[in-house]
PDB file of N, CA and C in Angstrom:
ATOM      1  N   MET A   1     -57.397 -36.848 -79.889  1.00  0.00           N
ATOM      2  CA  MET A   1     -57.862 -36.338 -78.582  1.00  0.00           C
ATOM      3  C   MET A   1     -59.144 -36.919 -78.313  1.00  0.00           C
ATOM      4  N   ASN A   2     -59.388 -37.173 -77.027  1.00  0.00           N
ATOM      5  CA  ASN A   2     -60.591 -38.056 -76.538  1.00  0.00           C
ATOM      6  C   ASN A   2     -61.830 -37.091 -76.248  1.00  0.00           C
ATOM      7  N   GLU A   3     -62.777 -37.797 -76.154  1.00  0.00           N
ATOM      8  CA  GLU A   3     -64.227 -37.018 -76.209  1.00  0.00           C
ATOM      9  C   GLU A   3     -64.221 -35.836 -75.046  1.00  0.00           C
ATOM     10  N   ALA A   4     -63.701 -36.222 -73.897  1.00  0.00           N
ATOM     11  CA  ALA A   4     -63.717 -35.009 -72.863  1.00  0.00           C
ATOM     12  C   ALA A   4     -62.827 -33.930 -73.488  1.00  0.00           C
ATOM     13  N   GLN A   5     -61.563 -34.231 -74.039  1.00  0.00           N
ATOM     14  CA  GLN A   5     -60.964 -32.995 -74.393  1.00  0.00           C
ATOM     15  C   GLN A   5     -61.498 -32.201 -75.583  1.00  0.00           C
ATOM     16  N   VAL A   6     -62.146 -32.988 -76.459  1.00  0.00           N
ATOM     17  CA  VAL A   6     -62.726 -32.397 -77.643  1.00  0.00           C
ATOM     18  C   VAL A   6     -63.918 -31.515 -77.124  1.00  0.00           C
ATOM     19  N   VAL A   7     -64.674 -32.037 -76.244  1.00  0.00           N
ATOM     20  CA  VAL A   7     -65.975 -31.025 -75.689  1.00  0.00           C
ATOM     21  C   VAL A   7     -65.374 -29.821 -74.939  1.00  0.00           C
ATOM     22  N   THR A   8     -64.293 -30.062 -74.045  1.00  0.00           N
ATOM     23  CA  THR A   8     -63.632 -29.028 -73.351  1.00  0.00           C
ATOM     24  C   THR A   8     -63.131 -27.904 -74.180  1.00  0.00           C
ATOM     25  N   ASP A   9     -62.430 -28.403 -75.211  1.00  0.00           N
ATOM     26  CA  ASP A   9     -62.084 -27.409 -76.263  1.00  0.00           C
ATOM     27  C   ASP A   9     -63.102 -26.738 -76.800  1.00  0.00           C
ATOM     28  N   PHE A  10     -64.124 -27.114 -77.254  1.00  0.00           N
ATOM     29  CA  PHE A  10     -65.158 -26.631 -77.788  1.00  0.00           C
ATOM     30  C   PHE A  10     -65.846 -25.673 -77.106  1.00  0.00           C
ATOM     31  N   LEU A  11     -66.154 -26.068 -75.630  1.00  0.00           N
ATOM     32  CA  LEU A  11     -66.921 -25.201 -74.813  1.00  0.00           C
ATOM     33  C   LEU A  11     -65.903 -23.964 -74.419  1.00  0.00           C
ATOM     34  N   GLU A  12     -64.605 -24.260 -74.348  1.00  0.00           N
ATOM     35  CA  GLU A  12     -63.824 -22.937 -73.903  1.00  0.00           C
ATOM     36  C   GLU A  12     -63.930 -21.933 -75.023  1.00  0.00           C
ATOM     37  N   ARG A  13     -64.324 -22.177 -76.160  1.00  0.00           N
ATOM     38  CA  ARG A  13     -64.748 -21.121 -77.232  1.00  0.00           C
ATOM     39  C   ARG A  13     -66.196 -20.811 -77.432  1.00  0.00           C
ATOM     40  N   ALA A  14     -67.034 -21.803 -77.037  1.00  0.00           N
ATOM     41  CA  ALA A  14     -68.324 -21.446 -77.294  1.00  0.00           C
ATOM     42  C   ALA A  14     -69.108 -20.756 -76.322  1.00  0.00           C
ATOM     43  N   LEU A  15     -68.725 -20.936 -74.856  1.00  0.00           N
ATOM     44  CA  LEU A  15     -69.326 -20.336 -73.975  1.00  0.00           C
ATOM     45  C   LEU A  15     -69.014 -19.095 -73.287  1.00  0.00           C
ATOM     46  N   LEU A  16     -69.842 -18.282 -72.783  1.00  0.00           N
ATOM     47  CA  LEU A  16     -69.664 -17.014 -72.173  1.00  0.00           C
ATOM     48  C   LEU A  16     -68.541 -17.254 -71.113  1.00  0.00           C
ATOM     49  N   GLN A  17     -67.341 -16.518 -70.898  1.00  0.00           N
ATOM     50  CA  GLN A  17     -66.305 -16.726 -70.056  1.00  0.00           C
ATOM     51  C   GLN A  17     -66.887 -16.891 -68.493  1.00  0.00           C
ATOM     52  N   SER A  18     -67.980 -16.049 -68.181  1.00  0.00           N
ATOM     53  CA  SER A  18     -68.420 -16.187 -66.698  1.00  0.00           C
ATOM     54  C   SER A  18     -69.051 -17.770 -66.503  1.00  0.00           C
ATOM     55  N   ARG A  19     -69.444 -18.432 -67.625  1.00  0.00           N
ATOM     56  CA  ARG A  19     -69.972 -19.708 -67.342  1.00  0.00           C
ATOM     57  C   ARG A  19     -69.281 -20.918 -67.738  1.00  0.00           C
ATOM     58  N   ARG A  20     -67.969 -20.738 -68.327  1.00  0.00           N
ATOM     59  CA  ARG A  20     -67.177 -22.002 -68.821  1.00  0.00           C
ATOM     60  C   ARG A  20     -66.769 -22.813 -67.769  1.00  0.00           C
ATOM     61  N   ASP A  21     -66.240 -22.077 -66.750  1.00  0.00           N
ATOM     62  CA  ASP A  21     -65.564 -23.060 -65.538  1.00  0.00           C
ATOM     63  C   ASP A  21     -66.683 -24.134 -64.932  1.00  0.00           C
ATOM     64  N   ARG A  22     -67.921 -23.609 -64.783  1.00  0.00           N
ATOM     65  CA  ARG A  22     -68.958 -24.504 -64.174  1.00  0.00           C
ATOM     66  C   ARG A  22     -69.305 -25.880 -65.200  1.00  0.00           C
ATOM     67  N   TYR A  23     -69.264 -25.733 -66.496  1.00  0.00           N
ATOM     68  CA  TYR A  23     -69.580 -26.714 -67.399  1.00  0.00           C
ATOM     69  C   TYR A  23     -68.257 -27.671 -67.746  1.00  0.00           C
ATOM     70  N   ILE A  24     -67.292 -27.077 -67.792  1.00  0.00           N
ATOM     71  CA  ILE A  24     -65.893 -27.865 -68.012  1.00  0.00           C
ATOM     72  C   ILE A  24     -65.752 -28.656 -66.889  1.00  0.00           C
ATOM     73  N   GLY A  25     -66.063 -28.035 -65.699  1.00  0.00           N
ATOM     74  CA  GLY A  25     -65.866 -28.735 -64.373  1.00  0.00           C
ATOM     75  C   GLY A  25     -66.604 -30.009 -64.406  1.00  0.00           C
ATOM     76  N   PHE A  26     -67.873 -30.034 -64.938  1.00  0.00           N
ATOM     77  CA  PHE A  26     -68.670 -31.286 -65.052  1.00  0.00           C
ATOM     78  C   PHE A  26     -67.904 -32.304 -65.849  1.00  0.00           C
ATOM     79  N   ILE A  27     -67.493 -31.794 -67.126  1.00  0.00           N
ATOM     80  CA  ILE A  27     -66.812 -32.836 -67.913  1.00  0.00           C
ATOM     81  C   ILE A  27     -65.687 -33.445 -67.181  1.00  0.00           C
ATOM     82  N   ARG A  28     -64.906 -32.762 -66.463  1.00  0.00           N
ATOM     83  CA  ARG A  28     -63.590 -33.291 -65.919  1.00  0.00           C
ATOM     84  C   ARG A  28     -63.981 -34.569 -65.245  1.00  0.00           C
ATOM     85  N   GLN A  29     -65.153 -34.599 -64.375  1.00  0.00           N
ATOM     86  CA  GLN A  29     -65.197 -35.533 -63.442  1.00  0.00           C
ATOM     87  C   GLN A  29     -66.190 -36.716 -64.204  1.00  0.00           C
ATOM     88  N   GLN A  30     -65.914 -38.036 -64.029  1.00  0.00           N
ATOM     89  CA  GLN A  30     -66.800 -38.936 -64.715  1.00  0.00           C
ATOM     90  C   GLN A  30     -67.986 -38.935 -64.080  1.00  0.00           C
ATOM     91  N   LYS A  31     -68.275 -38.666 -62.608  1.00  0.00           N
ATOM     92  CA  LYS A  31     -69.502 -38.711 -61.906  1.00  0.00           C
ATOM     93  C   LYS A  31     -70.393 -37.454 -62.188  1.00  0.00           C
ATOM     94  N   THR A  32     -69.747 -36.394 -62.657  1.00  0.00           N
ATOM     95  CA  THR A  32     -70.671 -35.285 -62.916  1.00  0.00           C
ATOM     96  C   THR A  32     -70.988 -34.911 -64.411  1.00  0.00           C
ATOM     97  N   ARG A  33     -70.462 -35.842 -65.321  1.00  0.00           N
ATOM     98  CA  ARG A  33     -70.709 -35.824 -66.681  1.00  0.00           C
ATOM     99  C   ARG A  33     -72.117 -35.810 -66.899  1.00  0.00           C
ATOM    100  N   ARG A  34     -73.266 -36.553 -66.205  1.00  0.00           N
ATOM    101  CA  ARG A  34     -74.510 -36.571 -66.423  1.00  0.00           C
ATOM    102  C   ARG A  34     -75.171 -35.231 -66.348  1.00  0.00           C
ATOM    103  N   LYS A  35     -74.765 -34.193 -65.357  1.00  0.00           N
ATOM    104  CA  LYS A  35     -75.168 -33.020 -65.097  1.00  0.00           C
ATOM    105  C   LYS A  35     -74.891 -32.083 -66.363  1.00  0.00           C
ATOM    106  N   PHE A  36     -73.852 -32.375 -66.769  1.00  0.00           N
ATOM    107  CA  PHE A  36     -73.579 -31.533 -68.311  1.00  0.00           C
ATOM    108  C   PHE A  36     -74.262 -32.060 -69.277  1.00  0.00           C
ATOM    109  N   LEU A  37     -74.711 -33.414 -69.486  1.00  0.00           N
ATOM    110  CA  LEU A  37     -75.683 -33.919 -70.450  1.00  0.00           C
ATOM    111  C   LEU A  37     -76.876 -33.347 -70.066  1.00  0.00           C
ATOM    112  N   GLN A  38     -77.459 -33.102 -68.925  1.00  0.00           N
ATOM    113  CA  GLN A  38     -78.772 -32.819 -68.689  1.00  0.00           C
ATOM    114  C   GLN A  38     -78.896 -31.214 -69.033  1.00  0.00           C
ATOM    115  N   SER A  39     -77.691 -30.651 -68.739  1.00  0.00           N
ATOM    116  CA  SER A  39     -77.852 -29.173 -69.254  1.00  0.00           C
ATOM    117  C   SER A  39     -78.075 -28.928 -70.486  1.00  0.00           C
ATOM    118  N   LEU A  40     -77.782 -29.870 -71.414  1.00  0.00           N
ATOM    119  CA  LEU A  40     -77.946 -29.622 -72.927  1.00  0.00           C
ATOM    120  C   LEU A  40     -79.485 -29.410 -73.247  1.00  0.00           C
ATOM    121  N   TYR A  41     -80.465 -29.993 -72.295  1.00  0.00           N
ATOM    122  CA  TYR A  41     -81.869 -29.620 -72.674  1.00  0.00           C
ATOM    123  C   TYR A  41     -82.254 -28.002 -72.724  1.00  0.00           C
ATOM    124  N   HIS A  42     -81.649 -27.200 -71.779  1.00  0.00           N
ATOM    125  CA  HIS A  42     -82.146 -25.949 -71.645  1.00  0.00           C
ATOM    126  C   HIS A  42     -81.017 -24.974 -71.312  1.00  0.00           C
ATOM    127  N   ASP A  43     -80.386 -25.344 -69.948  1.00  0.00           N
ATOM    128  CA  ASP A  43     -79.514 -24.660 -69.165  1.00  0.00           C
ATOM    129  C   ASP A  43     -78.201 -23.917 -70.135  1.00  0.00           C
ATOM    130  N   LEU A  44     -77.789 -24.759 -70.799  1.00  0.00           N
ATOM    131  CA  LEU A  44     -76.643 -24.382 -71.591  1.00  0.00           C
ATOM    132  C   LEU A  44     -76.808 -23.129 -72.723  1.00  0.00           C
ATOM    133  N   GLU A  45     -77.954 -23.452 -73.327  1.00  0.00           N
ATOM    134  CA  GLU A  45     -78.452 -22.247 -74.286  1.00  0.00           C
ATOM    135  C   GLU A  45     -78.382 -20.898 -73.807  1.00  0.00           C
ATOM    136  N   TRP A  46     -78.379 -20.695 -72.511  1.00  0.00           N
ATOM    137  CA  TRP A  46     -78.141 -19.230 -71.915  1.00  0.00           C
ATOM    138  C   TRP A  46     -76.746 -18.883 -71.659  1.00  0.00           C
ATOM    139  N   CYS A  47     -76.027 -20.090 -72.024  1.00  0.00           N
ATOM    140  CA  CYS A  47     -74.514 -19.654 -71.599  1.00  0.00           C
ATOM    141  C   CYS A  47     -73.697 -19.591 -72.831  1.00  0.00           C
ATOM    142  N   ILE A  48     -74.153 -19.531 -73.949  1.00  0.00           N
ATOM    143  CA  ILE A  48     -73.559 -19.384 -75.190  1.00  0.00           C
ATOM    144  C   ILE A  48     -73.143 -18.171 -75.601  1.00  0.00           C
ATOM    145  N   ASP A  49     -71.994 -17.879 -76.095  1.00  0.00           N
ATOM    146  CA  ASP A  49     -71.336 -16.561 -76.560  1.00  0.00           C
ATOM    147  C   ASP A  49     -71.864 -16.253 -77.728  1.00  0.00           C
ATOM    148  N   GLN A  50     -72.874 -15.535 -78.112  1.00  0.00           N
ATOM    149  CA  GLN A  50     -73.566 -15.439 -79.322  1.00  0.00           C
ATOM    150  C   GLN A  50     -72.608 -14.778 -80.368  1.00  0.00           C
ATOM    151  N   ASP A  51     -71.497 -14.288 -80.004  1.00  0.00           N
ATOM    152  CA  ASP A  51     -70.474 -13.734 -81.169  1.00  0.00           C
ATOM    153  C   ASP A  51     -69.835 -14.945 -81.639  1.00  0.00           C
ATOM    154  N   GLN A  52     -69.843 -16.169 -81.166  1.00  0.00           N
ATOM    155  CA  GLN A  52     -69.296 -17.340 -81.723  1.00  0.00           C
ATOM    156  C   GLN A  52     -70.244 -18.247 -82.769  1.00  0.00           C
ATOM    157  N   VAL A  53     -71.435 -17.887 -82.591  1.00  0.00           N
ATOM    158  CA  VAL A  53     -72.460 -18.432 -83.633  1.00  0.00           C
ATOM    159  C   VAL A  53     -72.454 -18.100 -84.889  1.00  0.00           C
ATOM    160  N   VAL A  54     -72.420 -18.895 -85.932  1.00  0.00           N
ATOM    161  CA  VAL A  54     -72.482 -18.715 -87.326  1.00  0.00           C
ATOM    162  C   VAL A  54     -73.836 -18.992 -88.147  1.00  0.00           C
ATOM    163  N   GLN A  55     -74.195 -18.497 -88.897  1.00  0.00           N
ATOM    164  CA  GLN A  55     -75.323 -18.662 -89.563  1.00  0.00           C
ATOM    165  C   GLN A  55     -75.554 -20.236 -89.889  1.00  0.00           C
ATOM    166  N   ARG A  56     -74.871 -20.695 -90.618  1.00  0.00           N
ATOM    167  CA  ARG A  56     -74.603 -22.006 -91.130  1.00  0.00           C
ATOM    168  C   ARG A  56     -73.333 -22.735 -91.261  1.00  0.00           C
ATOM    169  N   LEU A  57     -73.245 -24.048 -91.346  1.00  0.00           N
ATOM    170  CA  LEU A  57     -72.019 -24.700 -91.696  1.00  0.00           C
ATOM    171  C   LEU A  57     -72.040 -25.157 -92.994  1.00  0.00           C
ATOM    172  N   PRO A  58     -70.877 -25.104 -93.904  1.00  0.00           N
ATOM    173  CA  PRO A  58     -70.664 -25.605 -95.140  1.00  0.00           C
ATOM    174  C   PRO A  58     -70.681 -27.083 -95.091  1.00  0.00           C
ATOM    175  N   ASP A  59     -71.185 -27.549 -96.390  1.00  0.00           N
ATOM    176  CA  ASP A  59     -71.411 -29.178 -96.580  1.00  0.00           C
ATOM    177  C   ASP A  59     -70.253 -29.924 -96.114  1.00  0.00           C
ATOM    178  N   ASP A  60     -69.030 -29.465 -96.515  1.00  0.00           N
ATOM    179  CA  ASP A  60     -67.706 -30.128 -96.253  1.00  0.00           C
ATOM    180  C   ASP A  60     -67.534 -30.210 -94.715  1.00  0.00           C
ATOM    181  N   VAL A  61     -68.001 -29.389 -93.917  1.00  0.00           N
ATOM    182  CA  VAL A  61     -67.871 -29.451 -92.258  1.00  0.00           C
ATOM    183  C   VAL A  61     -68.887 -30.368 -92.040  1.00  0.00           C
ATOM    184  N   LEU A  62     -70.186 -30.484 -92.264  1.00  0.00           N
ATOM    185  CA  LEU A  62     -71.270 -31.266 -91.894  1.00  0.00           C
ATOM    186  C   LEU A  62     -70.684 -32.802 -92.251  1.00  0.00           C
ATOM    187  N   ASP A  63     -69.885 -32.995 -93.364  1.00  0.00           N
ATOM    188  CA  ASP A  63     -69.494 -34.245 -93.640  1.00  0.00           C
ATOM    189  C   ASP A  63     -68.204 -34.839 -92.901  1.00  0.00           C
ATOM    190  N   ARG A  64     -67.847 -34.066 -91.894  1.00  0.00           N
ATOM    191  CA  ARG A  64     -66.518 -34.523 -91.020  1.00  0.00           C
ATOM    192  C   ARG A  64     -67.200 -35.555 -89.955  1.00  0.00           C
ATOM    193  N   PRO A  65     -66.299 -36.234 -89.474  1.00  0.00           N
ATOM    194  CA  PRO A  65     -66.423 -37.325 -88.365  1.00  0.00           C
ATOM    195  C   PRO A  65     -66.679 -36.380 -87.125  1.00  0.00           C
ATOM    196  N   SER A  66     -67.630 -36.914 -86.344  1.00  0.00           N
ATOM    197  CA  SER A  66     -67.861 -36.077 -85.179  1.00  0.00           C
ATOM    198  C   SER A  66     -68.166 -37.075 -84.050  1.00  0.00           C
ATOM    199  N   LEU A  67     -68.373 -36.391 -82.758  1.00  0.00           N
ATOM    200  CA  LEU A  67     -68.900 -36.838 -81.469  1.00  0.00           C
ATOM    201  C   LEU A  67     -70.278 -36.543 -81.264  1.00  0.00           C
ATOM    202  N   CYS A  68     -71.121 -37.114 -80.525  1.00  0.00           N
ATOM    203  CA  CYS A  68     -72.390 -36.888 -80.092  1.00  0.00           C
ATOM    204  C   CYS A  68     -72.608 -36.792 -78.636  1.00  0.00           C
ATOM    205  N   PHE A  69     -73.029 -35.665 -78.098  1.00  0.00           N
ATOM    206  CA  PHE A  69     -73.342 -35.645 -76.771  1.00  0.00           C
ATOM    207  C   PHE A  69     -74.827 -35.550 -76.653  1.00  0.00           C
ATOM    208  N   ALA A  70     -75.364 -35.997 -75.870  1.00  0.00           N
ATOM    209  CA  ALA A  70     -76.886 -36.066 -75.579  1.00  0.00           C
ATOM    210  C   ALA A  70     -77.437 -36.620 -74.526  1.00  0.00           C
ATOM    211  N   PRO A  71     -78.354 -36.104 -73.785  1.00  0.00           N
ATOM    212  CA  PRO A  71     -79.020 -36.892 -72.593  1.00  0.00           C
ATOM    213  C   PRO A  71     -79.793 -38.088 -72.860  1.00  0.00           C
ATOM    214  N   PRO A  72     -79.983 -38.907 -71.980  1.00  0.00           N
ATOM    215  CA  PRO A  72     -79.435 -38.822 -70.637  1.00  0.00           C
ATOM    216  C   PRO A  72     -77.963 -39.447 -70.642  1.00  0.00           C
ATOM    217  N   ALA A  73     -77.337 -40.236 -71.448  1.00  0.00           N
ATOM    218  CA  ALA A  73     -76.070 -40.777 -71.121  1.00  0.00           C
ATOM    219  C   ALA A  73     -75.226 -40.909 -72.258  1.00  0.00           C
ATOM    220  N   GLU A  74     -75.293 -40.359 -73.403  1.00  0.00           N
ATOM    221  CA  GLU A  74     -74.548 -40.529 -74.606  1.00  0.00           C
ATOM    222  C   GLU A  74     -73.459 -39.283 -74.548  1.00  0.00           C
ATOM    223  N   PHE A  75     -72.336 -39.717 -73.964  1.00  0.00           N
ATOM    224  CA  PHE A  75     -71.246 -38.758 -73.899  1.00  0.00           C
ATOM    225  C   PHE A  75     -69.909 -39.137 -74.876  1.00  0.00           C
ATOM    226  N   GLY A  76     -69.988 -38.454 -76.184  1.00  0.00           N
ATOM    227  CA  GLY A  76     -69.264 -38.566 -76.906  1.00  0.00           C
ATOM    228  C   GLY A  76     -68.973 -39.725 -77.788  1.00  0.00           C
ATOM    229  N   ALA A  77     -70.304 -40.231 -78.201  1.00  0.00           N
ATOM    230  CA  ALA A  77     -70.421 -41.225 -79.203  1.00  0.00           C
ATOM    231  C   ALA A  77     -69.939 -40.894 -80.512  1.00  0.00           C
ATOM    232  N   PRO A  78     -69.106 -41.791 -80.963  1.00  0.00           N
ATOM    233  CA  PRO A  78     -68.663 -41.513 -82.498  1.00  0.00           C
ATOM    234  C   PRO A  78     -69.744 -41.625 -83.492  1.00  0.00           C
ATOM    235  N   ILE A  79     -69.998 -40.700 -84.355  1.00  0.00           N
ATOM    236  CA  ILE A  79     -70.676 -40.741 -85.445  1.00  0.00           C
ATOM    237  C   ILE A  79     -69.905 -40.330 -86.585  1.00  0.00           C
ATOM    238  N   SER A  80     -70.214 -41.017 -87.790  1.00  0.00           N
ATOM    239  CA  SER A  80     -69.510 -40.804 -89.222  1.00  0.00           C
ATOM    240  C   SER A  80     -69.541 -39.363 -89.543  1.00  0.00           C
ATOM    241  N   THR A  81     -70.653 -38.433 -89.499  1.00  0.00           N
ATOM    242  CA  THR A  81     -70.576 -37.204 -89.786  1.00  0.00           C
ATOM    243  C   THR A  81     -71.447 -36.171 -88.893  1.00  0.00           C
ATOM    244  N   LEU A  82     -71.063 -35.173 -89.034  1.00  0.00           N
ATOM    245  CA  LEU A  82     -71.517 -34.073 -88.083  1.00  0.00           C
ATOM    246  C   LEU A  82     -73.307 -34.184 -88.243  1.00  0.00           C
ATOM    247  N   ARG A  83     -73.552 -34.123 -89.652  1.00  0.00           N
ATOM    248  CA  ARG A  83     -75.003 -34.018 -89.936  1.00  0.00           C
ATOM    249  C   ARG A  83     -75.563 -35.211 -89.452  1.00  0.00           C
ATOM    250  N   GLY A  84     -74.901 -36.395 -89.525  1.00  0.00           N
ATOM    251  CA  GLY A  84     -75.399 -37.647 -89.200  1.00  0.00           C
ATOM    252  C   GLY A  84     -75.617 -37.677 -87.495  1.00  0.00           C
ATOM    253  N   ALA A  85     -74.816 -37.082 -86.910  1.00  0.00           N
ATOM    254  CA  ALA A  85     -74.713 -37.023 -85.426  1.00  0.00           C
ATOM    255  C   ALA A  85     -76.099 -36.207 -84.907  1.00  0.00           C
ATOM    256  N   VAL A  86     -76.202 -35.023 -85.544  1.00  0.00           N
ATOM    257  CA  VAL A  86     -77.569 -34.141 -85.354  1.00  0.00           C
ATOM    258  C   VAL A  86     -78.841 -34.775 -85.654  1.00  0.00           C
ATOM    259  N   ASP A  87     -78.785 -35.498 -86.780  1.00  0.00           N
ATOM    260  CA  ASP A  87     -79.970 -36.150 -87.339  1.00  0.00           C
ATOM    261  C   ASP A  87     -80.464 -37.529 -86.329  1.00  0.00           C
ATOM    262  N   SER A  88     -79.339 -38.045 -85.775  1.00  0.00           N
ATOM    263  CA  SER A  88     -79.716 -39.260 -85.016  1.00  0.00           C
ATOM    264  C   SER A  88     -79.762 -39.217 -83.537  1.00  0.00           C
ATOM    265  N   ALA A  89     -79.599 -37.677 -82.981  1.00  0.00           N
ATOM    266  CA  ALA A  89     -79.852 -37.197 -81.481  1.00  0.00           C
ATOM    267  C   ALA A  89     -81.247 -37.131 -81.272  1.00  0.00           C
ATOM    268  N   GLY A  90     -81.750 -37.476 -80.255  1.00  0.00           N
ATOM    269  CA  GLY A  90     -82.976 -37.022 -79.700  1.00  0.00           C
ATOM    270  C   GLY A  90     -83.350 -35.528 -79.610  1.00  0.00           C
ATOM    271  N   ASP A  91     -84.119 -35.268 -78.486  1.00  0.00           N
ATOM    272  CA  ASP A  91     -84.489 -34.037 -78.223  1.00  0.00           C
ATOM    273  C   ASP A  91     -83.340 -32.825 -78.043  1.00  0.00           C
ATOM    274  N   ALA A  92     -82.219 -33.169 -77.588  1.00  0.00           N
ATOM    275  CA  ALA A  92     -81.387 -32.123 -77.237  1.00  0.00           C
ATOM    276  C   ALA A  92     -80.092 -32.774 -77.471  1.00  0.00           C
ATOM    277  N   CYS A  93     -78.993 -32.017 -78.067  1.00  0.00           N
ATOM    278  CA  CYS A  93     -77.576 -32.605 -78.367  1.00  0.00           C
ATOM    279  C   CYS A  93     -76.631 -31.833 -78.804  1.00  0.00           C
ATOM    280  N   LEU A  94     -75.668 -31.835 -78.520  1.00  0.00           N
ATOM    281  CA  LEU A  94     -74.089 -31.201 -78.929  1.00  0.00           C
ATOM    282  C   LEU A  94     -73.465 -32.063 -79.743  1.00  0.00           C
ATOM    283  N   ALA A  95     -73.263 -31.689 -81.091  1.00  0.00           N
ATOM    284  CA  ALA A  95     -72.302 -32.563 -81.968  1.00  0.00           C
ATOM    285  C   ALA A  95     -71.318 -31.883 -82.198  1.00  0.00           C
ATOM    286  N   ILE A  96     -70.135 -32.348 -82.237  1.00  0.00           N
ATOM    287  CA  ILE A  96     -68.845 -31.474 -82.451  1.00  0.00           C
ATOM    288  C   ILE A  96     -67.862 -32.504 -83.514  1.00  0.00           C
ATOM    289  N   THR A  97     -67.392 -31.902 -84.452  1.00  0.00           N
ATOM    290  CA  THR A  97     -66.341 -32.479 -85.261  1.00  0.00           C
ATOM    291  C   THR A  97     -65.322 -32.960 -84.305  1.00  0.00           C
ATOM    292  N   THR A  98     -64.664 -34.234 -84.705  1.00  0.00           N
ATOM    293  CA  THR A  98     -63.612 -34.775 -83.932  1.00  0.00           C
ATOM    294  C   THR A  98     -62.231 -33.933 -83.642  1.00  0.00           C
ATOM    295  N   ASP A  99     -62.195 -32.853 -84.359  1.00  0.00           N
ATOM    296  CA  ASP A  99     -61.099 -31.820 -84.120  1.00  0.00           C
ATOM    297  C   ASP A  99     -61.493 -30.795 -83.411  1.00  0.00           C
ATOM    298  N   GLY A 100     -62.757 -30.532 -83.014  1.00  0.00           N
ATOM    299  CA  GLY A 100     -63.331 -29.755 -82.030  1.00  0.00           C
ATOM    300  C   GLY A 100     -63.543 -28.162 -82.629  1.00  0.00           C
ATOM    301  N   ARG A 101     -63.265 -28.064 -84.051  1.00  0.00           N
ATOM    302  CA  ARG A 101     -63.362 -26.830 -84.631  1.00  0.00           C
ATOM    303  C   ARG A 101     -64.761 -26.358 -85.089  1.00  0.00           C
ATOM    304  N   ALA A 102     -65.590 -27.419 -85.129  1.00  0.00           N
ATOM    305  CA  ALA A 102     -67.092 -27.045 -85.396  1.00  0.00           C
ATOM    306  C   ALA A 102     -68.020 -28.071 -84.722  1.00  0.00           C
ATOM    307  N   GLY A 103     -69.366 -27.246 -84.731  1.00  0.00           N
ATOM    308  CA  GLY A 103     -70.310 -28.169 -83.928  1.00  0.00           C
ATOM    309  C   GLY A 103     -71.798 -27.600 -84.050  1.00  0.00           C
ATOM    310  N   VAL A 104     -72.485 -28.266 -83.729  1.00  0.00           N
ATOM    311  CA  VAL A 104     -74.111 -27.733 -83.810  1.00  0.00           C
ATOM    312  C   VAL A 104     -74.777 -28.369 -82.542  1.00  0.00           C
ATOM    313  N   TYR A 105     -75.288 -27.139 -81.737  1.00  0.00           N
ATOM    314  CA  TYR A 105     -75.975 -27.373 -80.395  1.00  0.00           C
ATOM    315  C   TYR A 105     -77.366 -27.389 -80.807  1.00  0.00           C
ATOM    316  N   ARG A 106     -78.168 -28.165 -80.204  1.00  0.00           N
ATOM    317  CA  ARG A 106     -79.619 -28.213 -80.399  1.00  0.00           C
ATOM    318  C   ARG A 106     -80.294 -28.430 -79.148  1.00  0.00           C
ATOM    319  N   PRO A 107     -80.688 -27.371 -78.495  1.00  0.00           N
ATOM    320  CA  PRO A 107     -81.463 -27.552 -77.099  1.00  0.00           C
ATOM    321  C   PRO A 107     -82.782 -28.045 -77.399  1.00  0.00           C
ATOM    322  N   GLU A 108     -83.663 -28.621 -76.450  1.00  0.00           N
ATOM    323  CA  GLU A 108     -84.803 -29.155 -76.434  1.00  0.00           C
ATOM    324  C   GLU A 108     -85.827 -28.251 -76.772  1.00  0.00           C
ATOM    325  N   SER A 109     -85.989 -27.808 -78.323  1.00  0.00           N
ATOM    326  CA  SER A 109     -86.884 -26.808 -78.702  1.00  0.00           C
ATOM    327  C   SER A 109     -87.147 -27.318 -80.176  1.00  0.00           C
ATOM    328  N   PRO A 110     -87.604 -26.315 -80.877  1.00  0.00           N
ATOM    329  CA  PRO A 110     -87.789 -26.630 -82.349  1.00  0.00           C
ATOM    330  C   PRO A 110     -86.380 -26.687 -82.921  1.00  0.00           C
ATOM    331  N   THR A 111     -86.417 -27.465 -84.009  1.00  0.00           N
ATOM    332  CA  THR A 111     -85.242 -27.699 -84.860  1.00  0.00           C
ATOM    333  C   THR A 111     -84.506 -26.285 -85.162  1.00  0.00           C
ATOM    334  N   ASP A 112     -85.348 -25.432 -85.767  1.00  0.00           N
ATOM    335  CA  ASP A 112     -84.763 -23.978 -86.143  1.00  0.00           C
ATOM    336  C   ASP A 112     -83.965 -23.258 -85.240  1.00  0.00           C
ATOM    337  N   SER A 113     -84.010 -23.770 -83.861  1.00  0.00           N
ATOM    338  CA  SER A 113     -83.297 -23.144 -82.887  1.00  0.00           C
ATOM    339  C   SER A 113     -81.650 -23.584 -82.613  1.00  0.00           C
ATOM    340  N   ALA A 114     -81.271 -24.579 -83.772  1.00  0.00           N
ATOM    341  CA  ALA A 114     -79.758 -25.156 -83.537  1.00  0.00           C
ATOM    342  C   ALA A 114     -78.961 -23.952 -83.750  1.00  0.00           C
ATOM    343  N   LEU A 115     -77.915 -24.023 -83.083  1.00  0.00           N
ATOM    344  CA  LEU A 115     -76.947 -23.217 -83.191  1.00  0.00           C
ATOM    345  C   LEU A 115     -75.617 -23.773 -83.868  1.00  0.00           C
ATOM    346  N   HIS A 116     -74.895 -22.958 -84.704  1.00  0.00           N
ATOM    347  CA  HIS A 116     -73.786 -23.536 -85.602  1.00  0.00           C
ATOM    348  C   HIS A 116     -72.549 -22.791 -85.050  1.00  0.00           C
ATOM    349  N   PHE A 117     -71.566 -23.401 -85.075  1.00  0.00           N
ATOM    350  CA  PHE A 117     -70.329 -22.949 -84.572  1.00  0.00           C
ATOM    351  C   PHE A 117     -68.969 -23.440 -85.370  1.00  0.00           C
ATOM    352  N   LEU A 118     -68.200 -22.569 -85.913  1.00  0.00           N
ATOM    353  CA  LEU A 118     -66.967 -22.924 -86.643  1.00  0.00           C
ATOM    354  C   LEU A 118     -65.888 -21.842 -86.559  1.00  0.00           C
ATOM    355  N   TRP A 119     -64.755 -22.615 -86.212  1.00  0.00           N
ATOM    356  CA  TRP A 119     -63.462 -21.873 -85.895  1.00  0.00           C
ATOM    357  C   TRP A 119     -62.359 -22.425 -86.986  1.00  0.00           C
ATOM    358  N   GLY A 120     -61.858 -21.289 -87.387  1.00  0.00           N
ATOM    359  CA  GLY A 120     -60.406 -21.545 -88.486  1.00  0.00           C
ATOM    360  C   GLY A 120     -60.242 -23.069 -88.453  1.00  0.00           C
TER     361      GLY A 120
END
């Protein structure tokens, strides 16, 4: 899967249904991906389906290869581990395993506000 497909699959699970189309639409077009990345600062956090959030991720999941999405222009940069992607990103980021089944979203706020996702 390419980075656009990974993040699209992830957002289809993680976002409220009423907000999905807007953000997935940003990803589909190269010229609007920057809007998606800018939304990672604050906007996206209000669109998360809280029923999809888990307390924490197991170490084996944090050690999986991942992609990092971070403003202003990092769209799907490959990072060797999910843990490394979150640690290396700046103020706001979305790090997703390359299979799209787990991720960490950290809006621009204190580190303890990170949201963790894990699906089968």
